[in-house]
Amino acid sequence: MAADVVNLRQFKKAKARAEKDKTAEQNRALFGRTRAEKDLTRAVREKAEKTLDQGKLERPAPDGSKS
């Protein structure tokens, strides 16, 4: 007949922890990227920079030295 005795402090902490975990899971889905995705993005960016630098024309310095 008697209900279970519940410590309100522990209940509030458990509820807050569950809410925080739920929010963290939503943020991981929205903002998270896997290491493979990050590596792919980095490789694509580096390849683009390298390709761009290959076509770069360097002008000689006005004093005639290379710089």
C-alpha atoms as a PDB file:
ATOM      1  CA  MET A   1       0.000   0.000   0.000  1.00  0.00           C
ATOM      2  CA  ALA A   2       2.854   2.384   0.716  1.00  0.00           C
ATOM      3  CA  ALA A   3       4.611   3.951  -2.224  1.00  0.00           C
ATOM      4  CA  ASP A   4       8.353   3.678  -2.653  1.00  0.00           C
ATOM      5  CA  VAL A   5      10.288   6.296  -0.776  1.00  0.00           C
ATOM      6  CA  VAL A   6      12.220   8.488  -3.203  1.00  0.00           C
ATOM      7  CA  ASN A   7      15.013  10.884  -2.355  1.00  0.00           C
ATOM      8  CA  LEU A   8      14.067  14.056  -4.254  1.00  0.00           C
ATOM      9  CA  ARG A   9      17.673  15.210  -4.599  1.00  0.00           C
ATOM     10  CA  GLN A  10      18.662  11.956  -6.289  1.00  0.00           C
ATOM     11  CA  PHE A  11      15.538  12.031  -8.440  1.00  0.00           C
ATOM     12  CA  LYS A  12      16.255  15.598  -9.603  1.00  0.00           C
ATOM     13  CA  LYS A  13      19.877  14.718 -10.383  1.00  0.00           C
ATOM     14  CA  ALA A  14      18.848  11.625 -12.339  1.00  0.00           C
ATOM     15  CA  LYS A  15      16.263  13.624 -14.278  1.00  0.00           C
ATOM     16  CA  ALA A  16      18.788  16.385 -15.072  1.00  0.00           C
ATOM     17  CA  ARG A  17      21.359  13.779 -16.134  1.00  0.00           C
ATOM     18  CA  ALA A  18      18.855  12.117 -18.457  1.00  0.00           C
ATOM     19  CA  GLU A  19      17.918  15.478 -19.985  1.00  0.00           C
ATOM     20  CA  LYS A  20      21.593  16.369 -20.470  1.00  0.00           C
ATOM     21  CA  ASP A  21      22.252  13.020 -22.155  1.00  0.00           C
ATOM     22  CA  LYS A  22      19.276  13.553 -24.463  1.00  0.00           C
ATOM     23  CA  THR A  23      20.511  17.022 -25.438  1.00  0.00           C
ATOM     24  CA  ALA A  24      24.043  15.698 -25.994  1.00  0.00           C
ATOM     25  CA  GLU A  25      22.721  12.956 -28.261  1.00  0.00           C
ATOM     26  CA  GLN A  26      20.788  15.500 -30.332  1.00  0.00           C
ATOM     27  CA  ASN A  27      23.883  17.711 -30.622  1.00  0.00           C
ATOM     28  CA  ARG A  28      26.020  14.767 -31.730  1.00  0.00           C
ATOM     29  CA  ALA A  29      23.508  14.045 -34.483  1.00  0.00           C
ATOM     30  CA  LEU A  30      23.396  17.686 -35.593  1.00  0.00           C
ATOM     31  CA  PHE A  31      27.022  18.773 -35.265  1.00  0.00           C
ATOM     32  CA  GLY A  32      29.116  15.660 -34.899  1.00  0.00           C
ATOM     33  CA  ARG A  33      31.280  14.294 -37.676  1.00  0.00           C
ATOM     34  CA  THR A  34      33.172  11.055 -37.708  1.00  0.00           C
ATOM     35  CA  ARG A  35      36.944  10.959 -37.942  1.00  0.00           C
ATOM     36  CA  ALA A  36      36.633   9.585 -41.475  1.00  0.00           C
ATOM     37  CA  GLU A  37      34.525  12.583 -42.516  1.00  0.00           C
ATOM     38  CA  LYS A  38      37.030  14.996 -40.945  1.00  0.00           C
ATOM     39  CA  ASP A  39      39.974  13.237 -42.635  1.00  0.00           C
ATOM     40  CA  LEU A  40      38.210  13.296 -45.998  1.00  0.00           C
ATOM     41  CA  THR A  41      37.479  17.016 -45.689  1.00  0.00           C
ATOM     42  CA  ARG A  42      41.082  17.706 -44.680  1.00  0.00           C
ATOM     43  CA  ALA A  43      42.444  15.651 -47.620  1.00  0.00           C
ATOM     44  CA  VAL A  44      40.164  17.375 -50.131  1.00  0.00           C
ATOM     45  CA  ARG A  45      41.150  20.812 -48.796  1.00  0.00           C
ATOM     46  CA  GLU A  46      44.877  19.990 -48.899  1.00  0.00           C
ATOM     47  CA  LYS A  47      44.592  18.633 -52.459  1.00  0.00           C
ATOM     48  CA  ALA A  48      42.761  21.770 -53.578  1.00  0.00           C
ATOM     49  CA  GLU A  49      45.409  23.994 -51.996  1.00  0.00           C
ATOM     50  CA  LYS A  50      48.196  21.977 -53.603  1.00  0.00           C
ATOM     51  CA  THR A  51      46.509  22.136 -57.020  1.00  0.00           C
ATOM     52  CA  LEU A  52      46.005  25.869 -56.644  1.00  0.00           C
ATOM     53  CA  ASP A  53      49.622  26.434 -55.601  1.00  0.00           C
ATOM     54  CA  GLN A  54      50.916  24.487 -58.609  1.00  0.00           C
ATOM     55  CA  GLY A  55      49.517  27.114 -60.943  1.00  0.00           C
ATOM     56  CA  LYS A  56      50.801  30.025 -58.903  1.00  0.00           C
ATOM     57  CA  LEU A  57      53.010  32.457 -60.798  1.00  0.00           C
ATOM     58  CA  GLU A  58      55.734  34.108 -58.800  1.00  0.00           C
ATOM     59  CA  ARG A  59      56.878  37.546 -59.769  1.00  0.00           C
ATOM     60  CA  PRO A  60      60.500  38.535 -59.347  1.00  0.00           C
ATOM     61  CA  ALA A  61      61.187  41.029 -56.610  1.00  0.00           C
ATOM     62  CA  PRO A  62      61.892  44.574 -57.816  1.00  0.00           C
ATOM     63  CA  ASP A  63      65.450  44.437 -56.437  1.00  0.00           C
ATOM     64  CA  GLY A  64      66.200  41.281 -58.435  1.00  0.00           C
ATOM     65  CA  SER A  65      66.482  38.861 -55.486  1.00  0.00           C
ATOM     66  CA  LYS A  66      64.354  35.768 -55.110  1.00  0.00           C
ATOM     67  CA  SER A  67      61.859  35.925 -52.294  1.00  0.00           C
END
